[in-house]
Amino acid sequence: MRTRPTLTWTPGTDLPPGTTDPEPVADALRTGGVLVLSGAGISTESGIPDYRGEGGSLSRHTPMTYQDFTGSPEARRRYWARSHLGWRTFGRARPNAGHHSVAAFARHGLLTGVITQNVDGLHQAAGSEDVVELHGSLDRVVCLSCGVFSARLDLARRLEEANPGFSPVAAGINPDGDADLTDAQVGDFRVLPCTVCGGILKPDVVFFGENVPPGRVEHCRELVRAASSLLVLGSSLTVMSGLRFVRQAAGAGKPVLIVNRDATRGDRLAVTRIALPLGPALTRVAEGLGLTVEDATTA
């Protein structure tokens, strides 16, 4: 029996309340050794919606699962049509104040690393280096048969040539780069095979229902072990891929701090949750530390 992955979580009534004081984050950064774990909420101010916040995409959209993608040619047609359209918008997103603040913290030696659940590449675009992309990146494509990686931009050009005139109007764009299209809008969209072996192409991202590669998980666990504290930015921590690192940090006695407007599945393990928008909150922290938040697109 095939089961659906956990997509939602209902907060209990006994969760500790959030605060609007970001000073605990500043205190942790002054101490140094902070590991950042970011989620979709840090990219909402760049125009990419999150999954579960107010107006989140899960209210109208069920993400593609690995089982559906690999098991159904029609599911792959729907995915690639929607993802190809979404890529046009998704690829134009630019880092916001939250991403730039994280990059500033790193430049000044306050962080030990950045783990992101996002697939948008915006941390790197803001200037952060050595970012661990827990769920992969939409910039890359992998063949499920021969394992060859290729650039998403190259596939986008091939899809443009194979589907001339494909330009439906999407109802919305989702955090995974998938656009909301009806079956009629998908139509007979042509899906392309691997140019090396003719196998099935998949974006190099971890779909719902798919496991994060074990080596990547262990690398993240090593980062948690080396950190003094864990700072969670814009993640509801609904799925285990991120929650496990919060549990690891808390279990080792390391402070967990969360900046997220809504309650999260990790609140009981955190010393505080700051219920503020990420861009303004992190900019305020950076200014309080005397740091300049540079715009990496012009620096």
C-alpha atoms as a PDB file:
ATOM      1  CA  MET A   1       0.000   0.000   0.000  1.00  0.00           C
ATOM      2  CA  ARG A   2       1.440   3.381  -1.025  1.00  0.00           C
ATOM      3  CA  THR A   3       1.189   6.082   1.626  1.00  0.00           C
ATOM      4  CA  ARG A   4       1.416   9.811   1.159  1.00  0.00           C
ATOM      5  CA  PRO A   5       4.238  11.696   2.887  1.00  0.00           C
ATOM      6  CA  THR A   6       3.526  13.948   5.848  1.00  0.00           C
ATOM      7  CA  LEU A   7       2.669  17.361   4.426  1.00  0.00           C
ATOM      8  CA  THR A   8       0.858  19.064   7.287  1.00  0.00           C
ATOM      9  CA  TRP A   9       1.127  19.410  11.041  1.00  0.00           C
ATOM     10  CA  THR A  10      -1.417  20.801  13.486  1.00  0.00           C
ATOM     11  CA  PRO A  11       0.030  22.846  16.357  1.00  0.00           C
ATOM     12  CA  GLY A  12      -1.106  21.962  19.865  1.00  0.00           C
ATOM     13  CA  THR A  13      -2.658  24.528  22.167  1.00  0.00           C
ATOM     14  CA  ASP A  14       0.142  24.186  24.710  1.00  0.00           C
ATOM     15  CA  LEU A  15       2.997  25.464  22.550  1.00  0.00           C
ATOM     16  CA  PRO A  16       5.099  28.268  24.050  1.00  0.00           C
ATOM     17  CA  PRO A  17       4.151  31.675  22.627  1.00  0.00           C
ATOM     18  CA  GLY A  18       6.344  33.472  20.142  1.00  0.00           C
ATOM     19  CA  THR A  19       8.097  36.738  20.897  1.00  0.00           C
ATOM     20  CA  THR A  20       8.892  39.830  18.837  1.00  0.00           C
ATOM     21  CA  ASP A  21      12.288  40.375  20.441  1.00  0.00           C
ATOM     22  CA  PRO A  22      15.161  39.198  18.189  1.00  0.00           C
ATOM     23  CA  GLU A  23      17.847  39.966  20.794  1.00  0.00           C
ATOM     24  CA  PRO A  24      18.385  36.253  21.666  1.00  0.00           C
ATOM     25  CA  VAL A  25      19.450  35.718  18.041  1.00  0.00           C
ATOM     26  CA  ALA A  26      21.907  38.594  18.322  1.00  0.00           C
ATOM     27  CA  ASP A  27      23.258  37.132  21.576  1.00  0.00           C
ATOM     28  CA  ALA A  28      23.816  33.744  19.929  1.00  0.00           C
ATOM     29  CA  LEU A  29      25.605  35.360  16.995  1.00  0.00           C
ATOM     30  CA  ARG A  30      27.847  37.362  19.337  1.00  0.00           C
ATOM     31  CA  THR A  31      28.922  34.060  20.881  1.00  0.00           C
ATOM     32  CA  GLY A  32      29.601  32.629  17.416  1.00  0.00           C
ATOM     33  CA  GLY A  33      29.489  29.057  16.204  1.00  0.00           C
ATOM     34  CA  VAL A  34      25.907  29.377  14.921  1.00  0.00           C
ATOM     35  CA  LEU A  35      24.595  26.893  12.352  1.00  0.00           C
ATOM     36  CA  VAL A  36      21.712  28.139  10.197  1.00  0.00           C
ATOM     37  CA  LEU A  37      18.899  25.863   9.007  1.00  0.00           C
ATOM     38  CA  SER A  38      16.617  27.691   6.566  1.00  0.00           C
ATOM     39  CA  GLY A  39      13.267  26.813   5.027  1.00  0.00           C
ATOM     40  CA  ALA A  40      10.816  28.171   2.487  1.00  0.00           C
ATOM     41  CA  GLY A  41       9.823  31.095   4.702  1.00  0.00           C
ATOM     42  CA  ILE A  42      13.111  32.885   4.090  1.00  0.00           C
ATOM     43  CA  SER A  43      12.331  33.113   0.373  1.00  0.00           C
ATOM     44  CA  THR A  44       8.770  34.447   0.546  1.00  0.00           C
ATOM     45  CA  GLU A  45      10.030  38.037   0.430  1.00  0.00           C
ATOM     46  CA  SER A  46      11.687  37.134  -2.897  1.00  0.00           C
ATOM     47  CA  GLY A  47       8.283  36.276  -4.344  1.00  0.00           C
ATOM     48  CA  ILE A  48       8.492  32.506  -3.814  1.00  0.00           C
ATOM     49  CA  PRO A  49       5.554  31.296  -1.692  1.00  0.00           C
ATOM     50  CA  ASP A  50       6.065  28.905   1.183  1.00  0.00           C
ATOM     51  CA  TYR A  51       4.158  25.659   1.706  1.00  0.00           C
ATOM     52  CA  ARG A  52       2.331  26.192   4.974  1.00  0.00           C
ATOM     53  CA  GLY A  53       2.184  29.858   5.958  1.00  0.00           C
ATOM     54  CA  GLU A  54      -0.676  32.222   5.266  1.00  0.00           C
ATOM     55  CA  GLY A  55      -1.570  31.656   1.621  1.00  0.00           C
ATOM     56  CA  GLY A  56       0.902  28.752   1.442  1.00  0.00           C
ATOM     57  CA  SER A  57       0.842  26.579  -1.637  1.00  0.00           C
ATOM     58  CA  LEU A  58      -0.415  23.465   0.172  1.00  0.00           C
ATOM     59  CA  SER A  59      -3.811  25.164   0.446  1.00  0.00           C
ATOM     60  CA  ARG A  60      -4.226  24.735  -3.314  1.00  0.00           C
ATOM     61  CA  HIS A  61      -1.505  22.336  -4.441  1.00  0.00           C
ATOM     62  CA  THR A  62      -0.226  18.832  -3.606  1.00  0.00           C
ATOM     63  CA  PRO A  63       3.489  18.536  -4.412  1.00  0.00           C
ATOM     64  CA  MET A  64       4.692  15.820  -6.745  1.00  0.00           C
ATOM     65  CA  THR A  65       5.871  12.686  -4.950  1.00  0.00           C
ATOM     66  CA  TYR A  66       8.796  10.533  -6.040  1.00  0.00           C
ATOM     67  CA  GLN A  67       6.493   7.518  -6.346  1.00  0.00           C
ATOM     68  CA  ASP A  68       4.089   9.316  -8.687  1.00  0.00           C
ATOM     69  CA  PHE A  69       6.896  10.799 -10.772  1.00  0.00           C
ATOM     70  CA  THR A  70       8.702   7.505 -11.346  1.00  0.00           C
ATOM     71  CA  GLY A  71       5.547   5.416 -11.715  1.00  0.00           C
ATOM     72  CA  SER A  72       3.490   7.400 -14.214  1.00  0.00           C
ATOM     73  CA  PRO A  73       4.386   8.895 -17.615  1.00  0.00           C
ATOM     74  CA  GLU A  74       1.361  11.185 -17.309  1.00  0.00           C
ATOM     75  CA  ALA A  75       2.532  12.402 -13.914  1.00  0.00           C
ATOM     76  CA  ARG A  76       5.922  13.220 -15.449  1.00  0.00           C
ATOM     77  CA  ARG A  77       4.216  15.074 -18.300  1.00  0.00           C
ATOM     78  CA  ARG A  78       2.223  17.160 -15.820  1.00  0.00           C
ATOM     79  CA  TYR A  79       5.294  17.798 -13.703  1.00  0.00           C
ATOM     80  CA  TRP A  80       7.608  18.867 -16.510  1.00  0.00           C
ATOM     81  CA  ALA A  81       4.988  21.083 -18.147  1.00  0.00           C
ATOM     82  CA  ARG A  82       4.291  22.848 -14.874  1.00  0.00           C
ATOM     83  CA  SER A  83       7.940  22.961 -13.809  1.00  0.00           C
ATOM     84  CA  HIS A  84       9.063  24.285 -17.195  1.00  0.00           C
ATOM     85  CA  LEU A  85       6.613  27.161 -16.934  1.00  0.00           C
ATOM     86  CA  GLY A  86       7.430  27.773 -13.266  1.00  0.00           C
ATOM     87  CA  TRP A  87      11.162  27.822 -13.998  1.00  0.00           C
ATOM     88  CA  ARG A  88      10.752  30.997 -16.050  1.00  0.00           C
ATOM     89  CA  THR A  89       9.447  32.866 -13.008  1.00  0.00           C
ATOM     90  CA  PHE A  90      11.392  30.964 -10.377  1.00  0.00           C
ATOM     91  CA  GLY A  91      14.685  31.612 -12.134  1.00  0.00           C
ATOM     92  CA  ARG A  92      14.113  35.374 -11.986  1.00  0.00           C
ATOM     93  CA  ALA A  93      13.799  35.464  -8.167  1.00  0.00           C
ATOM     94  CA  ARG A  94      16.450  37.469  -6.354  1.00  0.00           C
ATOM     95  CA  PRO A  95      17.738  37.186  -2.764  1.00  0.00           C
ATOM     96  CA  ASN A  96      16.072  39.369  -0.172  1.00  0.00           C
ATOM     97  CA  ALA A  97      17.194  41.007   3.065  1.00  0.00           C
ATOM     98  CA  GLY A  98      17.027  37.696   4.922  1.00  0.00           C
ATOM     99  CA  HIS A  99      19.447  35.985   2.531  1.00  0.00           C
ATOM    100  CA  HIS A 100      21.767  38.994   2.553  1.00  0.00           C
ATOM    101  CA  SER A 101      21.749  39.096   6.361  1.00  0.00           C
ATOM    102  CA  VAL A 102      22.751  35.433   6.572  1.00  0.00           C
ATOM    103  CA  ALA A 103      25.583  36.119   4.108  1.00  0.00           C
ATOM    104  CA  ALA A 104      26.713  39.064   6.288  1.00  0.00           C
ATOM    105  CA  PHE A 105      26.752  36.859   9.404  1.00  0.00           C
ATOM    106  CA  ALA A 106      28.907  34.344   7.536  1.00  0.00           C
ATOM    107  CA  ARG A 107      31.310  36.981   6.192  1.00  0.00           C
ATOM    108  CA  HIS A 108      31.991  38.155   9.730  1.00  0.00           C
ATOM    109  CA  GLY A 109      32.725  34.650  10.991  1.00  0.00           C
ATOM    110  CA  LEU A 110      29.601  34.269  13.130  1.00  0.00           C
ATOM    111  CA  LEU A 111      28.350  31.092  11.429  1.00  0.00           C
ATOM    112  CA  THR A 112      29.759  27.603  11.133  1.00  0.00           C
ATOM    113  CA  GLY A 113      27.579  26.835   8.130  1.00  0.00           C
ATOM    114  CA  VAL A 114      24.218  27.052   6.362  1.00  0.00           C
ATOM    115  CA  ILE A 115      21.870  24.149   5.702  1.00  0.00           C
ATOM    116  CA  THR A 116      18.880  25.015   3.514  1.00  0.00           C
ATOM    117  CA  GLN A 117      15.764  23.037   2.751  1.00  0.00           C
ATOM    118  CA  ASN A 118      15.196  25.327  -0.239  1.00  0.00           C
ATOM    119  CA  VAL A 119      16.001  24.475  -3.851  1.00  0.00           C
ATOM    120  CA  ASP A 120      16.145  28.070  -5.133  1.00  0.00           C
ATOM    121  CA  GLY A 121      19.859  28.885  -4.792  1.00  0.00           C
ATOM    122  CA  LEU A 122      19.119  32.278  -3.219  1.00  0.00           C
ATOM    123  CA  HIS A 123      21.544  31.879  -0.311  1.00  0.00           C
ATOM    124  CA  GLN A 124      24.381  31.424  -2.790  1.00  0.00           C
ATOM    125  CA  ALA A 125      23.137  34.322  -4.912  1.00  0.00           C
ATOM    126  CA  ALA A 126      23.348  36.527  -1.809  1.00  0.00           C
ATOM    127  CA  GLY A 127      26.969  35.538  -1.270  1.00  0.00           C
ATOM    128  CA  SER A 128      26.797  32.643   1.194  1.00  0.00           C
ATOM    129  CA  GLU A 129      29.393  29.961   0.517  1.00  0.00           C
ATOM    130  CA  ASP A 130      29.498  26.213   1.241  1.00  0.00           C
ATOM    131  CA  VAL A 131      25.712  26.018   1.577  1.00  0.00           C
ATOM    132  CA  VAL A 132      24.402  22.480   2.093  1.00  0.00           C
ATOM    133  CA  GLU A 133      21.352  22.077  -0.151  1.00  0.00           C
ATOM    134  CA  LEU A 134      19.499  19.463   1.878  1.00  0.00           C
ATOM    135  CA  HIS A 135      16.847  18.911  -0.789  1.00  0.00           C
ATOM    136  CA  GLY A 136      19.021  19.562  -3.839  1.00  0.00           C
ATOM    137  CA  SER A 137      18.721  22.340  -6.415  1.00  0.00           C
ATOM    138  CA  LEU A 138      16.462  23.114  -9.354  1.00  0.00           C
ATOM    139  CA  ASP A 139      19.553  24.285 -11.256  1.00  0.00           C
ATOM    140  CA  ARG A 140      20.509  20.673 -11.975  1.00  0.00           C
ATOM    141  CA  VAL A 141      18.884  17.708 -13.719  1.00  0.00           C
ATOM    142  CA  VAL A 142      19.794  14.040 -13.208  1.00  0.00           C
ATOM    143  CA  CYS A 143      19.074  10.969 -15.340  1.00  0.00           C
ATOM    144  CA  LEU A 144      17.496   8.198 -13.287  1.00  0.00           C
ATOM    145  CA  SER A 145      19.054   5.564 -15.549  1.00  0.00           C
ATOM    146  CA  CYS A 146      22.691   6.563 -16.130  1.00  0.00           C
ATOM    147  CA  GLY A 147      23.081   9.103 -13.303  1.00  0.00           C
ATOM    148  CA  VAL A 148      24.495  11.853 -15.516  1.00  0.00           C
ATOM    149  CA  PHE A 149      23.922  15.408 -14.261  1.00  0.00           C
ATOM    150  CA  SER A 150      23.227  18.330 -16.564  1.00  0.00           C
ATOM    151  CA  ALA A 151      22.287  21.995 -16.295  1.00  0.00           C
ATOM    152  CA  ARG A 152      18.629  22.870 -15.957  1.00  0.00           C
ATOM    153  CA  LEU A 153      19.172  25.787 -18.321  1.00  0.00           C
ATOM    154  CA  ASP A 154      20.180  23.349 -21.077  1.00  0.00           C
ATOM    155  CA  LEU A 155      17.029  21.287 -20.565  1.00  0.00           C
ATOM    156  CA  ALA A 156      14.923  24.461 -20.527  1.00  0.00           C
ATOM    157  CA  ARG A 157      16.264  25.369 -23.967  1.00  0.00           C
ATOM    158  CA  ARG A 158      15.517  21.872 -25.284  1.00  0.00           C
ATOM    159  CA  LEU A 159      11.982  22.005 -23.876  1.00  0.00           C
ATOM    160  CA  GLU A 160      11.403  25.406 -25.472  1.00  0.00           C
ATOM    161  CA  GLU A 161      12.359  23.948 -28.858  1.00  0.00           C
ATOM    162  CA  ALA A 162      10.256  20.821 -28.364  1.00  0.00           C
ATOM    163  CA  ASN A 163       7.172  22.754 -27.208  1.00  0.00           C
ATOM    164  CA  PRO A 164       6.966  25.924 -29.325  1.00  0.00           C
ATOM    165  CA  GLY A 165       4.240  28.315 -28.242  1.00  0.00           C
ATOM    166  CA  PHE A 166       3.775  26.735 -24.816  1.00  0.00           C
ATOM    167  CA  SER A 167       2.862  29.706 -22.626  1.00  0.00           C
ATOM    168  CA  PRO A 168      -0.268  29.058 -20.522  1.00  0.00           C
ATOM    169  CA  VAL A 169      -1.098  31.417 -17.684  1.00  0.00           C
ATOM    170  CA  ALA A 170      -0.467  29.729 -14.344  1.00  0.00           C
ATOM    171  CA  ALA A 171      -2.682  30.222 -11.313  1.00  0.00           C
ATOM    172  CA  GLY A 172       0.415  30.405  -9.099  1.00  0.00           C
ATOM    173  CA  ILE A 173       4.020  29.346  -8.564  1.00  0.00           C
ATOM    174  CA  ASN A 174       5.010  26.971  -5.751  1.00  0.00           C
ATOM    175  CA  PRO A 175       8.158  26.681  -3.557  1.00  0.00           C
ATOM    176  CA  ASP A 176       9.435  23.753  -5.655  1.00  0.00           C
ATOM    177  CA  GLY A 177       9.214  25.799  -8.873  1.00  0.00           C
ATOM    178  CA  ASP A 178       6.060  23.982  -9.967  1.00  0.00           C
ATOM    179  CA  ALA A 179       3.341  26.125 -11.598  1.00  0.00           C
ATOM    180  CA  ASP A 180      -0.374  25.523 -11.066  1.00  0.00           C
ATOM    181  CA  LEU A 181      -1.809  24.326 -14.387  1.00  0.00           C
ATOM    182  CA  THR A 182      -4.912  22.384 -15.314  1.00  0.00           C
ATOM    183  CA  ASP A 183      -4.707  19.154 -17.320  1.00  0.00           C
ATOM    184  CA  ALA A 184      -6.129  21.062 -20.296  1.00  0.00           C
ATOM    185  CA  GLN A 185      -3.289  23.597 -20.045  1.00  0.00           C
ATOM    186  CA  VAL A 186      -0.716  20.799 -19.846  1.00  0.00           C
ATOM    187  CA  GLY A 187      -2.174  19.319 -23.028  1.00  0.00           C
ATOM    188  CA  ASP A 188       0.266  17.203 -25.022  1.00  0.00           C
ATOM    189  CA  PHE A 189       3.413  18.802 -23.595  1.00  0.00           C
ATOM    190  CA  ARG A 190       6.416  16.881 -24.865  1.00  0.00           C
ATOM    191  CA  VAL A 191       8.754  15.417 -22.224  1.00  0.00           C
ATOM    192  CA  LEU A 192      12.365  14.886 -23.271  1.00  0.00           C
ATOM    193  CA  PRO A 193      14.714  11.995 -22.396  1.00  0.00           C
ATOM    194  CA  CYS A 194      18.343  11.984 -21.321  1.00  0.00           C
ATOM    195  CA  THR A 195      20.636  12.868 -24.234  1.00  0.00           C
ATOM    196  CA  VAL A 196      23.161  10.243 -23.106  1.00  0.00           C
ATOM    197  CA  CYS A 197      21.062   7.103 -22.614  1.00  0.00           C
ATOM    198  CA  GLY A 198      17.432   8.052 -23.303  1.00  0.00           C
ATOM    199  CA  GLY A 199      16.463   7.567 -19.653  1.00  0.00           C
ATOM    200  CA  ILE A 200      14.035   9.496 -17.468  1.00  0.00           C
ATOM    201  CA  LEU A 201      15.156  12.977 -16.416  1.00  0.00           C
ATOM    202  CA  LYS A 202      14.366  14.340 -12.962  1.00  0.00           C
ATOM    203  CA  PRO A 203      15.325  17.639 -11.351  1.00  0.00           C
ATOM    204  CA  ASP A 204      18.100  17.112  -8.808  1.00  0.00           C
ATOM    205  CA  VAL A 205      15.766  17.761  -5.897  1.00  0.00           C
ATOM    206  CA  VAL A 206      14.388  15.494  -3.197  1.00  0.00           C
ATOM    207  CA  PHE A 207      10.684  15.002  -3.883  1.00  0.00           C
ATOM    208  CA  PHE A 208       8.179  14.373  -1.141  1.00  0.00           C
ATOM    209  CA  GLY A 209       8.294  10.648  -0.389  1.00  0.00           C
ATOM    210  CA  GLU A 210      11.987  10.467  -1.343  1.00  0.00           C
ATOM    211  CA  ASN A 211      14.886  10.190   1.106  1.00  0.00           C
ATOM    212  CA  VAL A 212      17.684  12.716   1.470  1.00  0.00           C
ATOM    213  CA  PRO A 213      20.956  10.946   0.513  1.00  0.00           C
ATOM    214  CA  PRO A 214      22.491   9.398   3.674  1.00  0.00           C
ATOM    215  CA  GLY A 215      25.887  11.022   3.107  1.00  0.00           C
ATOM    216  CA  ARG A 216      24.277  14.454   2.978  1.00  0.00           C
ATOM    217  CA  VAL A 217      22.362  13.779   6.190  1.00  0.00           C
ATOM    218  CA  GLU A 218      25.536  12.686   7.976  1.00  0.00           C
ATOM    219  CA  HIS A 219      27.367  15.800   6.782  1.00  0.00           C
ATOM    220  CA  CYS A 220      24.595  17.926   8.279  1.00  0.00           C
ATOM    221  CA  ARG A 221      24.774  15.960  11.517  1.00  0.00           C
ATOM    222  CA  GLU A 222      28.495  16.712  11.668  1.00  0.00           C
ATOM    223  CA  LEU A 223      27.720  20.415  11.244  1.00  0.00           C
ATOM    224  CA  VAL A 224      25.246  20.236  14.129  1.00  0.00           C
ATOM    225  CA  ARG A 225      27.845  18.501  16.302  1.00  0.00           C
ATOM    226  CA  ALA A 226      30.390  21.239  15.542  1.00  0.00           C
ATOM    227  CA  ALA A 227      27.996  24.146  16.186  1.00  0.00           C
ATOM    228  CA  SER A 228      27.379  26.021  19.425  1.00  0.00           C
ATOM    229  CA  SER A 229      23.734  26.713  18.565  1.00  0.00           C
ATOM    230  CA  LEU A 230      21.190  26.135  15.805  1.00  0.00           C
ATOM    231  CA  LEU A 231      19.271  29.025  14.218  1.00  0.00           C
ATOM    232  CA  VAL A 232      16.174  27.963  12.267  1.00  0.00           C
ATOM    233  CA  LEU A 233      14.937  30.509   9.727  1.00  0.00           C
ATOM    234  CA  GLY A 234      11.555  30.229   8.041  1.00  0.00           C
ATOM    235  CA  SER A 235      10.855  26.519   8.457  1.00  0.00           C
ATOM    236  CA  SER A 236       7.754  24.960   9.998  1.00  0.00           C
ATOM    237  CA  LEU A 237       9.872  21.839  10.645  1.00  0.00           C
ATOM    238  CA  THR A 238       6.887  19.730   9.627  1.00  0.00           C
ATOM    239  CA  VAL A 239       8.962  17.164   7.770  1.00  0.00           C
ATOM    240  CA  MET A 240      11.624  15.060   9.449  1.00  0.00           C
ATOM    241  CA  SER A 241      14.378  16.146   7.027  1.00  0.00           C
ATOM    242  CA  GLY A 242      14.844  19.347   9.030  1.00  0.00           C
ATOM    243  CA  LEU A 243      13.286  18.450  12.380  1.00  0.00           C
ATOM    244  CA  ARG A 244      15.866  15.736  13.025  1.00  0.00           C
ATOM    245  CA  PHE A 245      18.632  18.344  13.259  1.00  0.00           C
ATOM    246  CA  VAL A 246      16.623  20.375  15.760  1.00  0.00           C
ATOM    247  CA  ARG A 247      16.140  17.231  17.835  1.00  0.00           C
ATOM    248  CA  GLN A 248      19.855  16.448  17.580  1.00  0.00           C
ATOM    249  CA  ALA A 249      20.897  19.933  18.688  1.00  0.00           C
ATOM    250  CA  ALA A 250      18.434  20.076  21.564  1.00  0.00           C
ATOM    251  CA  GLY A 251      19.388  16.569  22.661  1.00  0.00           C
ATOM    252  CA  ALA A 252      23.034  17.658  22.839  1.00  0.00           C
ATOM    253  CA  GLY A 253      22.138  20.674  24.976  1.00  0.00           C
ATOM    254  CA  LYS A 254      22.747  23.204  22.197  1.00  0.00           C
ATOM    255  CA  PRO A 255      20.355  26.175  22.122  1.00  0.00           C
ATOM    256  CA  VAL A 256      17.823  26.133  19.273  1.00  0.00           C
ATOM    257  CA  LEU A 257      16.452  29.503  18.179  1.00  0.00           C
ATOM    258  CA  ILE A 258      13.656  29.807  15.620  1.00  0.00           C
ATOM    259  CA  VAL A 259      12.598  32.821  13.559  1.00  0.00           C
ATOM    260  CA  ASN A 260       9.217  32.015  12.014  1.00  0.00           C
ATOM    261  CA  ARG A 261       5.970  33.933  12.129  1.00  0.00           C
ATOM    262  CA  ASP A 262       3.886  30.798  12.747  1.00  0.00           C
ATOM    263  CA  ALA A 263       4.280  28.021  15.314  1.00  0.00           C
ATOM    264  CA  THR A 264       6.597  25.191  14.301  1.00  0.00           C
ATOM    265  CA  ARG A 265       6.944  21.525  15.109  1.00  0.00           C
ATOM    266  CA  GLY A 266      10.214  22.331  16.880  1.00  0.00           C
ATOM    267  CA  ASP A 267       8.935  25.043  19.240  1.00  0.00           C
ATOM    268  CA  ARG A 268       8.991  22.800  22.306  1.00  0.00           C
ATOM    269  CA  LEU A 269      12.689  22.141  21.718  1.00  0.00           C
ATOM    270  CA  ALA A 270      13.636  25.788  21.166  1.00  0.00           C
ATOM    271  CA  VAL A 271      14.734  28.361  23.720  1.00  0.00           C
ATOM    272  CA  THR A 272      12.730  30.952  21.783  1.00  0.00           C
ATOM    273  CA  ARG A 273      10.695  31.527  18.626  1.00  0.00           C
ATOM    274  CA  ILE A 274      10.725  35.035  17.199  1.00  0.00           C
ATOM    275  CA  ALA A 275       7.416  35.611  15.421  1.00  0.00           C
ATOM    276  CA  LEU A 276       8.561  38.256  12.937  1.00  0.00           C
ATOM    277  CA  PRO A 277       9.039  38.482   9.164  1.00  0.00           C
ATOM    278  CA  LEU A 278      12.535  37.238   8.422  1.00  0.00           C
ATOM    279  CA  GLY A 279      13.897  40.096   6.339  1.00  0.00           C
ATOM    280  CA  PRO A 280      13.158  42.880   8.845  1.00  0.00           C
ATOM    281  CA  ALA A 281      14.064  40.698  11.847  1.00  0.00           C
ATOM    282  CA  LEU A 282      17.475  39.651  10.502  1.00  0.00           C
ATOM    283  CA  THR A 283      18.256  43.137   9.228  1.00  0.00           C
ATOM    284  CA  ARG A 284      17.515  44.470  12.708  1.00  0.00           C
ATOM    285  CA  VAL A 285      19.838  41.855  14.216  1.00  0.00           C
ATOM    286  CA  ALA A 286      22.601  42.688  11.738  1.00  0.00           C
ATOM    287  CA  GLU A 287      22.317  46.403  12.426  1.00  0.00           C
ATOM    288  CA  GLY A 288      22.417  45.739  16.170  1.00  0.00           C
ATOM    289  CA  LEU A 289      25.672  43.849  15.649  1.00  0.00           C
ATOM    290  CA  GLY A 290      27.108  46.716  13.607  1.00  0.00           C
ATOM    291  CA  LEU A 291      27.168  44.685  10.387  1.00  0.00           C
ATOM    292  CA  THR A 292      26.597  46.009   6.895  1.00  0.00           C
ATOM    293  CA  VAL A 293      24.113  43.925   4.938  1.00  0.00           C
ATOM    294  CA  GLU A 294      25.492  44.116   1.421  1.00  0.00           C
ATOM    295  CA  ASP A 295      23.510  43.518  -1.712  1.00  0.00           C
ATOM    296  CA  ALA A 296      25.458  40.703  -3.389  1.00  0.00           C
ATOM    297  CA  THR A 297      23.922  41.566  -6.766  1.00  0.00           C
ATOM    298  CA  THR A 298      25.760  44.897  -6.781  1.00  0.00           C
ATOM    299  CA  ALA A 299      28.724  44.258  -4.478  1.00  0.00           C
END
